PDB file of N, CA and C in Angstrom:
ATOM      1  N   MET A   1      11.251  25.667 -11.920  1.00  0.00           N
ATOM      2  CA  MET A   1      10.921  24.238 -11.830  1.00  0.00           C
ATOM      3  C   MET A   1      10.693  23.858 -10.411  1.00  0.00           C
ATOM      4  N   SER A   2       9.640  23.095 -10.177  1.00  0.00           N
ATOM      5  CA  SER A   2       9.259  22.811  -8.764  1.00  0.00           C
ATOM      6  C   SER A   2      10.171  21.583  -8.324  1.00  0.00           C
ATOM      7  N   GLU A   3      10.267  21.476  -6.925  1.00  0.00           N
ATOM      8  CA  GLU A   3      11.011  20.328  -6.402  1.00  0.00           C
ATOM      9  C   GLU A   3      10.194  18.982  -6.551  1.00  0.00           C
ATOM     10  N   LEU A   4      10.889  17.956  -6.758  1.00  0.00           N
ATOM     11  CA  LEU A   4      10.264  16.669  -6.895  1.00  0.00           C
ATOM     12  C   LEU A   4       9.916  16.142  -5.493  1.00  0.00           C
ATOM     13  N   SER A   5       8.935  15.203  -5.470  1.00  0.00           N
ATOM     14  CA  SER A   5       8.599  14.587  -4.180  1.00  0.00           C
ATOM     15  C   SER A   5       9.719  13.597  -3.940  1.00  0.00           C
ATOM     16  N   LEU A   6       9.769  13.088  -2.674  1.00  0.00           N
ATOM     17  CA  LEU A   6      10.834  12.110  -2.342  1.00  0.00           C
ATOM     18  C   LEU A   6      10.729  10.885  -3.230  1.00  0.00           C
ATOM     19  N   ALA A   7       9.519  10.417  -3.413  1.00  0.00           N
ATOM     20  CA  ALA A   7       9.284   9.233  -4.228  1.00  0.00           C
ATOM     21  C   ALA A   7       9.852   9.439  -5.601  1.00  0.00           C
ATOM     22  N   ALA A   8       9.468  10.514  -6.279  1.00  0.00           N
ATOM     23  CA  ALA A   8       9.946  10.869  -7.625  1.00  0.00           C
ATOM     24  C   ALA A   8      11.350  10.998  -7.770  1.00  0.00           C
ATOM     25  N   GLN A   9      11.903  11.671  -6.700  1.00  0.00           N
ATOM     26  CA  GLN A   9      13.374  11.817  -6.761  1.00  0.00           C
ATOM     27  C   GLN A   9      14.180  10.496  -6.592  1.00  0.00           C
ATOM     28  N   THR A  10      13.610   9.615  -5.869  1.00  0.00           N
ATOM     29  CA  THR A  10      14.214   8.325  -5.635  1.00  0.00           C
ATOM     30  C   THR A  10      14.218   7.543  -6.912  1.00  0.00           C
ATOM     31  N   VAL A  11      13.127   7.631  -7.662  1.00  0.00           N
ATOM     32  CA  VAL A  11      13.043   6.885  -8.934  1.00  0.00           C
ATOM     33  C   VAL A  11      14.027   7.564  -9.952  1.00  0.00           C
ATOM     34  N   LEU A  12      14.115   8.837  -9.993  1.00  0.00           N
ATOM     35  CA  LEU A  12      15.074   9.563 -10.904  1.00  0.00           C
ATOM     36  C   LEU A  12      16.508   9.247 -10.489  1.00  0.00           C
ATOM     37  N   ASP A  13      16.755   9.187  -9.188  1.00  0.00           N
ATOM     38  CA  ASP A  13      18.134   8.771  -8.806  1.00  0.00           C
ATOM     39  C   ASP A  13      18.493   7.428  -9.238  1.00  0.00           C
ATOM     40  N   ALA A  14      17.585   6.486  -9.167  1.00  0.00           N
ATOM     41  CA  ALA A  14      17.829   5.133  -9.611  1.00  0.00           C
ATOM     42  C   ALA A  14      18.126   5.066 -10.985  1.00  0.00           C
ATOM     43  N   TYR A  15      17.430   5.879 -11.812  1.00  0.00           N
ATOM     44  CA  TYR A  15      17.618   5.937 -13.284  1.00  0.00           C
ATOM     45  C   TYR A  15      19.056   6.471 -13.553  1.00  0.00           C
ATOM     46  N   TYR A  16      19.459   7.501 -12.874  1.00  0.00           N
ATOM     47  CA  TYR A  16      20.768   8.156 -13.086  1.00  0.00           C
ATOM     48  C   TYR A  16      21.749   7.742 -11.972  1.00  0.00           C
ATOM     49  N   CYS A  17      21.753   6.512 -11.625  1.00  0.00           N
ATOM     50  CA  CYS A  17      22.524   5.953 -10.533  1.00  0.00           C
ATOM     51  C   CYS A  17      24.035   6.113 -10.906  1.00  0.00           C
ATOM     52  N   GLU A  18      24.838   5.948  -9.911  1.00  0.00           N
ATOM     53  CA  GLU A  18      26.362   6.229  -9.984  1.00  0.00           C
ATOM     54  C   GLU A  18      26.936   5.129 -10.946  1.00  0.00           C
ATOM     55  N   LYS A  19      26.413   3.958 -10.883  1.00  0.00           N
ATOM     56  CA  LYS A  19      27.039   2.856 -11.730  1.00  0.00           C
ATOM     57  C   LYS A  19      26.631   3.074 -13.125  1.00  0.00           C
ATOM     58  N   PRO A  20      27.492   2.778 -14.044  1.00  0.00           N
ATOM     59  CA  PRO A  20      27.111   2.984 -15.433  1.00  0.00           C
ATOM     60  C   PRO A  20      26.256   1.839 -16.071  1.00  0.00           C
ATOM     61  N   LEU A  21      24.943   2.123 -15.917  1.00  0.00           N
ATOM     62  CA  LEU A  21      23.928   1.058 -16.482  1.00  0.00           C
ATOM     63  C   LEU A  21      23.538   1.637 -17.782  1.00  0.00           C
ATOM     64  N   VAL A  22      23.158   0.607 -18.589  1.00  0.00           N
ATOM     65  CA  VAL A  22      22.762   1.028 -19.962  1.00  0.00           C
ATOM     66  C   VAL A  22      21.354   0.539 -20.251  1.00  0.00           C
ATOM     67  N   GLY A  23      20.673   1.227 -21.040  1.00  0.00           N
ATOM     68  CA  GLY A  23      19.351   0.882 -21.500  1.00  0.00           C
ATOM     69  C   GLY A  23      18.363   0.188 -20.519  1.00  0.00           C
ATOM     70  N   SER A  24      18.040  -1.015 -20.803  1.00  0.00           N
ATOM     71  CA  SER A  24      17.006  -1.706 -20.114  1.00  0.00           C
ATOM     72  C   SER A  24      17.346  -1.870 -18.568  1.00  0.00           C
ATOM     73  N   LYS A  25      18.650  -1.949 -18.233  1.00  0.00           N
ATOM     74  CA  LYS A  25      19.055  -2.065 -16.857  1.00  0.00           C
ATOM     75  C   LYS A  25      18.769  -0.847 -16.127  1.00  0.00           C
ATOM     76  N   ARG A  26      18.897   0.285 -16.691  1.00  0.00           N
ATOM     77  CA  ARG A  26      18.724   1.600 -16.132  1.00  0.00           C
ATOM     78  C   ARG A  26      17.193   1.759 -15.922  1.00  0.00           C
ATOM     79  N   VAL A  27      16.369   1.324 -16.828  1.00  0.00           N
ATOM     80  CA  VAL A  27      14.870   1.385 -16.647  1.00  0.00           C
ATOM     81  C   VAL A  27      14.513   0.377 -15.566  1.00  0.00           C
ATOM     82  N   ALA A  28      15.144  -0.718 -15.463  1.00  0.00           N
ATOM     83  CA  ALA A  28      14.843  -1.650 -14.552  1.00  0.00           C
ATOM     84  C   ALA A  28      15.076  -1.234 -13.068  1.00  0.00           C
ATOM     85  N   ALA A  29      16.216  -0.489 -12.905  1.00  0.00           N
ATOM     86  CA  ALA A  29      16.546   0.160 -11.624  1.00  0.00           C
ATOM     87  C   ALA A  29      15.529   1.163 -11.246  1.00  0.00           C
ATOM     88  N   ALA A  30      15.036   1.932 -12.184  1.00  0.00           N
ATOM     89  CA  ALA A  30      14.069   2.981 -11.962  1.00  0.00           C
ATOM     90  C   ALA A  30      12.738   2.339 -11.543  1.00  0.00           C
ATOM     91  N   LEU A  31      12.403   1.250 -12.261  1.00  0.00           N
ATOM     92  CA  LEU A  31      11.163   0.470 -11.991  1.00  0.00           C
ATOM     93  C   LEU A  31      11.186  -0.126 -10.529  1.00  0.00           C
ATOM     94  N   ARG A  32      12.315  -0.677 -10.117  1.00  0.00           N
ATOM     95  CA  ARG A  32      12.463  -1.312  -8.843  1.00  0.00           C
ATOM     96  C   ARG A  32      12.332  -0.122  -7.776  1.00  0.00           C
ATOM     97  N   ALA A  33      12.910   1.002  -8.062  1.00  0.00           N
ATOM     98  CA  ALA A  33      12.743   2.162  -7.126  1.00  0.00           C
ATOM     99  C   ALA A  33      11.266   2.631  -7.040  1.00  0.00           C
ATOM    100  N   ALA A  34      10.649   2.616  -8.168  1.00  0.00           N
ATOM    101  CA  ALA A  34       9.193   3.013  -8.175  1.00  0.00           C
ATOM    102  C   ALA A  34       8.390   1.996  -7.318  1.00  0.00           C
ATOM    103  N   ALA A  35       8.674   0.694  -7.455  1.00  0.00           N
ATOM    104  CA  ALA A  35       7.955  -0.306  -6.793  1.00  0.00           C
ATOM    105  C   ALA A  35       8.197  -0.180  -5.238  1.00  0.00           C
ATOM    106  N   ASP A  36       9.473   0.168  -4.854  1.00  0.00           N
ATOM    107  CA  ASP A  36       9.743   0.462  -3.430  1.00  0.00           C
ATOM    108  C   ASP A  36       9.026   1.598  -2.886  1.00  0.00           C
ATOM    109  N   GLN A  37       8.759   2.567  -3.686  1.00  0.00           N
ATOM    110  CA  GLN A  37       8.076   3.874  -3.256  1.00  0.00           C
ATOM    111  C   GLN A  37       6.557   3.688  -3.209  1.00  0.00           C
ATOM    112  N   VAL A  38       6.060   2.987  -4.166  1.00  0.00           N
ATOM    113  CA  VAL A  38       4.544   2.894  -4.373  1.00  0.00           C
ATOM    114  C   VAL A  38       3.931   1.771  -3.586  1.00  0.00           C
ATOM    115  N   VAL A  39       4.609   0.587  -3.696  1.00  0.00           N
ATOM    116  CA  VAL A  39       4.084  -0.689  -3.032  1.00  0.00           C
ATOM    117  C   VAL A  39       5.269  -1.288  -2.281  1.00  0.00           C
ATOM    118  N   PRO A  40       5.711  -0.737  -1.168  1.00  0.00           N
ATOM    119  CA  PRO A  40       6.728  -1.370  -0.360  1.00  0.00           C
ATOM    120  C   PRO A  40       6.484  -2.733   0.077  1.00  0.00           C
ATOM    121  N   ASN A  41       7.532  -3.541   0.228  1.00  0.00           N
ATOM    122  CA  ASN A  41       7.292  -4.895   0.642  1.00  0.00           C
ATOM    123  C   ASN A  41       6.762  -4.970   2.067  1.00  0.00           C
ATOM    124  N   GLU A  42       5.726  -5.700   2.216  1.00  0.00           N
ATOM    125  CA  GLU A  42       5.107  -5.885   3.571  1.00  0.00           C
ATOM    126  C   GLU A  42       5.312  -7.322   4.001  1.00  0.00           C
ATOM    127  N   PRO A  43       5.703  -7.514   5.280  1.00  0.00           N
ATOM    128  CA  PRO A  43       5.876  -8.912   5.739  1.00  0.00           C
ATOM    129  C   PRO A  43       4.566  -9.664   5.709  1.00  0.00           C
ATOM    130  N   ALA A  44       4.693 -10.935   5.449  1.00  0.00           N
ATOM    131  CA  ALA A  44       3.486 -11.776   5.384  1.00  0.00           C
ATOM    132  C   ALA A  44       2.994 -11.927   6.824  1.00  0.00           C
ATOM    133  N   PRO A  45       1.605 -12.096   7.013  1.00  0.00           N
ATOM    134  CA  PRO A  45       1.145 -12.293   8.382  1.00  0.00           C
ATOM    135  C   PRO A  45       1.702 -13.611   9.008  1.00  0.00           C
ATOM    136  N   THR A  46       1.896 -13.650  10.223  1.00  0.00           N
ATOM    137  CA  THR A  46       2.428 -14.869  10.858  1.00  0.00           C
ATOM    138  C   THR A  46       1.275 -15.663  11.472  1.00  0.00           C
ATOM    139  N   GLY A  47       1.500 -16.861  11.621  1.00  0.00           N
ATOM    140  CA  GLY A  47       0.536 -17.749  12.203  1.00  0.00           C
ATOM    141  C   GLY A  47      -0.336 -18.498  11.204  1.00  0.00           C
ATOM    142  N   MET A  48      -0.934 -19.485  11.619  1.00  0.00           N
ATOM    143  CA  MET A  48      -1.755 -20.365  10.743  1.00  0.00           C
ATOM    144  C   MET A  48      -3.334 -19.877  10.964  1.00  0.00           C
ATOM    145  N   ARG A  49      -4.056 -19.944   9.848  1.00  0.00           N
ATOM    146  CA  ARG A  49      -5.417 -19.645   9.880  1.00  0.00           C
ATOM    147  C   ARG A  49      -6.218 -20.930  10.019  1.00  0.00           C
ATOM    148  N   PRO A  50      -7.272 -20.927  10.837  1.00  0.00           N
ATOM    149  CA  PRO A  50      -8.107 -22.030  10.955  1.00  0.00           C
ATOM    150  C   PRO A  50      -8.731 -22.383   9.624  1.00  0.00           C
ATOM    151  N   ALA A  51      -8.945 -23.622   9.447  1.00  0.00           N
ATOM    152  CA  ALA A  51      -9.679 -24.051   8.105  1.00  0.00           C
ATOM    153  C   ALA A  51     -10.978 -23.392   7.986  1.00  0.00           C
ATOM    154  N   GLY A  52     -11.318 -22.903   6.839  1.00  0.00           N
ATOM    155  CA  GLY A  52     -12.529 -22.240   6.636  1.00  0.00           C
ATOM    156  C   GLY A  52     -12.702 -20.837   7.051  1.00  0.00           C
ATOM    157  N   ASP A  53     -11.567 -20.306   7.635  1.00  0.00           N
ATOM    158  CA  ASP A  53     -11.588 -18.884   8.130  1.00  0.00           C
ATOM    159  C   ASP A  53     -11.536 -17.994   6.849  1.00  0.00           C
ATOM    160  N   VAL A  54     -12.184 -16.837   6.901  1.00  0.00           N
ATOM    161  CA  VAL A  54     -12.156 -15.993   5.827  1.00  0.00           C
ATOM    162  C   VAL A  54     -11.077 -14.897   6.004  1.00  0.00           C
ATOM    163  N   TYR A  55     -10.584 -14.218   4.949  1.00  0.00           N
ATOM    164  CA  TYR A  55      -9.642 -13.165   5.061  1.00  0.00           C
ATOM    165  C   TYR A  55     -10.317 -11.896   5.254  1.00  0.00           C
ATOM    166  N   SER A  56      -9.728 -11.028   6.016  1.00  0.00           N
ATOM    167  CA  SER A  56     -10.285  -9.645   6.206  1.00  0.00           C
ATOM    168  C   SER A  56      -9.999  -8.801   4.927  1.00  0.00           C
ATOM    169  N   SER A  57     -10.817  -7.802   4.768  1.00  0.00           N
ATOM    170  CA  SER A  57     -10.535  -6.923   3.655  1.00  0.00           C
ATOM    171  C   SER A  57      -9.084  -6.315   3.698  1.00  0.00           C
ATOM    172  N   ARG A  58      -8.597  -6.092   4.959  1.00  0.00           N
ATOM    173  CA  ARG A  58      -7.255  -5.504   5.113  1.00  0.00           C
ATOM    174  C   ARG A  58      -6.147  -6.603   4.539  1.00  0.00           C
ATOM    175  N   GLU A  59      -6.399  -7.829   4.841  1.00  0.00           N
ATOM    176  CA  GLU A  59      -5.479  -8.899   4.317  1.00  0.00           C
ATOM    177  C   GLU A  59      -5.614  -9.086   2.867  1.00  0.00           C
ATOM    178  N   ILE A  60      -6.841  -8.927   2.278  1.00  0.00           N
ATOM    179  CA  ILE A  60      -7.079  -9.006   0.812  1.00  0.00           C
ATOM    180  C   ILE A  60      -6.344  -7.839   0.173  1.00  0.00           C
ATOM    181  N   ARG A  61      -6.518  -6.605   0.680  1.00  0.00           N
ATOM    182  CA  ARG A  61      -5.784  -5.452   0.103  1.00  0.00           C
ATOM    183  C   ARG A  61      -4.276  -5.614   0.091  1.00  0.00           C
ATOM    184  N   ARG A  62      -3.734  -6.152   1.224  1.00  0.00           N
ATOM    185  CA  ARG A  62      -2.263  -6.408   1.382  1.00  0.00           C
ATOM    186  C   ARG A  62      -1.869  -7.335   0.278  1.00  0.00           C
ATOM    187  N   GLY A  63      -2.578  -8.411   0.005  1.00  0.00           N
ATOM    188  CA  GLY A  63      -2.267  -9.383  -0.980  1.00  0.00           C
ATOM    189  C   GLY A  63      -2.392  -8.802  -2.342  1.00  0.00           C
ATOM    190  N   GLN A  64      -3.264  -7.858  -2.598  1.00  0.00           N
ATOM    191  CA  GLN A  64      -3.330  -7.243  -3.896  1.00  0.00           C
ATOM    192  C   GLN A  64      -2.091  -6.351  -4.058  1.00  0.00           C
ATOM    193  N   ARG A  65      -1.690  -5.621  -3.046  1.00  0.00           N
ATOM    194  CA  ARG A  65      -0.568  -4.743  -3.092  1.00  0.00           C
ATOM    195  C   ARG A  65       0.637  -5.509  -3.376  1.00  0.00           C
ATOM    196  N   GLN A  66       0.823  -6.683  -2.738  1.00  0.00           N
ATOM    197  CA  GLN A  66       2.015  -7.534  -2.938  1.00  0.00           C
ATOM    198  C   GLN A  66       2.004  -8.153  -4.291  1.00  0.00           C
ATOM    199  N   GLU A  67       0.885  -8.461  -4.907  1.00  0.00           N
ATOM    200  CA  GLU A  67       0.817  -8.992  -6.188  1.00  0.00           C
ATOM    201  C   GLU A  67       1.219  -7.906  -7.272  1.00  0.00           C
ATOM    202  N   THR A  68       0.800  -6.647  -7.024  1.00  0.00           N
ATOM    203  CA  THR A  68       1.267  -5.609  -7.873  1.00  0.00           C
ATOM    204  C   THR A  68       2.769  -5.390  -7.783  1.00  0.00           C
ATOM    205  N   ARG A  69       3.279  -5.468  -6.533  1.00  0.00           N
ATOM    206  CA  ARG A  69       4.732  -5.289  -6.354  1.00  0.00           C
ATOM    207  C   ARG A  69       5.409  -6.497  -7.121  1.00  0.00           C
ATOM    208  N   SER A  70       4.928  -7.675  -7.073  1.00  0.00           N
ATOM    209  CA  SER A  70       5.537  -8.897  -7.656  1.00  0.00           C
ATOM    210  C   SER A  70       5.521  -8.646  -9.177  1.00  0.00           C
ATOM    211  N   GLN A  71       4.496  -8.064  -9.732  1.00  0.00           N
ATOM    212  CA  GLN A  71       4.413  -7.924 -11.235  1.00  0.00           C
ATOM    213  C   GLN A  71       5.441  -6.829 -11.608  1.00  0.00           C
ATOM    214  N   LEU A  72       5.552  -5.767 -10.881  1.00  0.00           N
ATOM    215  CA  LEU A  72       6.485  -4.742 -11.266  1.00  0.00           C
ATOM    216  C   LEU A  72       7.942  -5.303 -11.192  1.00  0.00           C
ATOM    217  N   LEU A  73       8.222  -6.028 -10.154  1.00  0.00           N
ATOM    218  CA  LEU A  73       9.572  -6.533  -9.962  1.00  0.00           C
ATOM    219  C   LEU A  73       9.838  -7.614 -11.093  1.00  0.00           C
ATOM    220  N   ALA A  74       8.802  -8.340 -11.519  1.00  0.00           N
ATOM    221  CA  ALA A  74       9.020  -9.347 -12.566  1.00  0.00           C
ATOM    222  C   ALA A  74       9.406  -8.654 -13.940  1.00  0.00           C
ATOM    223  N   ILE A  75       8.791  -7.455 -14.145  1.00  0.00           N
ATOM    224  CA  ILE A  75       9.088  -6.629 -15.385  1.00  0.00           C
ATOM    225  C   ILE A  75      10.568  -6.170 -15.277  1.00  0.00           C
ATOM    226  N   ALA A  76      10.930  -5.721 -14.081  1.00  0.00           N
ATOM    227  CA  ALA A  76      12.323  -5.159 -13.884  1.00  0.00           C
ATOM    228  C   ALA A  76      13.370  -6.280 -14.067  1.00  0.00           C
ATOM    229  N   ALA A  77      12.996  -7.593 -13.513  1.00  0.00           N
ATOM    230  CA  ALA A  77      13.931  -8.683 -13.650  1.00  0.00           C
ATOM    231  C   ALA A  77      14.047  -9.066 -15.163  1.00  0.00           C
ATOM    232  N   GLU A  78      12.903  -8.961 -15.864  1.00  0.00           N
ATOM    233  CA  GLU A  78      13.004  -9.286 -17.303  1.00  0.00           C
ATOM    234  C   GLU A  78      13.928  -8.290 -18.114  1.00  0.00           C
ATOM    235  N   LEU A  79      13.815  -7.054 -17.704  1.00  0.00           N
ATOM    236  CA  LEU A  79      14.607  -6.020 -18.376  1.00  0.00           C
ATOM    237  C   LEU A  79      16.087  -6.194 -18.017  1.00  0.00           C
ATOM    238  N   GLU A  80      16.342  -6.569 -16.711  1.00  0.00           N
ATOM    239  CA  GLU A  80      17.760  -6.794 -16.342  1.00  0.00           C
ATOM    240  C   GLU A  80      18.420  -7.989 -17.070  1.00  0.00           C
ATOM    241  N   ASN A  81      17.592  -8.975 -17.448  1.00  0.00           N
ATOM    242  CA  ASN A  81      18.086 -10.101 -18.139  1.00  0.00           C
ATOM    243  C   ASN A  81      18.296  -9.845 -19.617  1.00  0.00           C
ATOM    244  N   GLN A  82      18.038  -8.672 -20.182  1.00  0.00           N
ATOM    245  CA  GLN A  82      18.182  -8.372 -21.636  1.00  0.00           C
ATOM    246  C   GLN A  82      19.669  -8.314 -21.962  1.00  0.00           C
TER     247      GLN A  82
END
């Protein structure tokens, strides 16, 4: 069997964490770990934008990544509240 990547191993470790989690909480922990590996939290840009200024493609992609992360974490939160 081949070695897992660091990202895959982190998700697997979260699933089999030391604390005795059950069912949906275990899946939520793995989902949070996956979100951290795939779409890490990025700090929001600082400073104000002038009125009418357009966002760069880099800023748009950052926003899309953070939206994906938010959606994954929302699913994890829902599972944790089961």
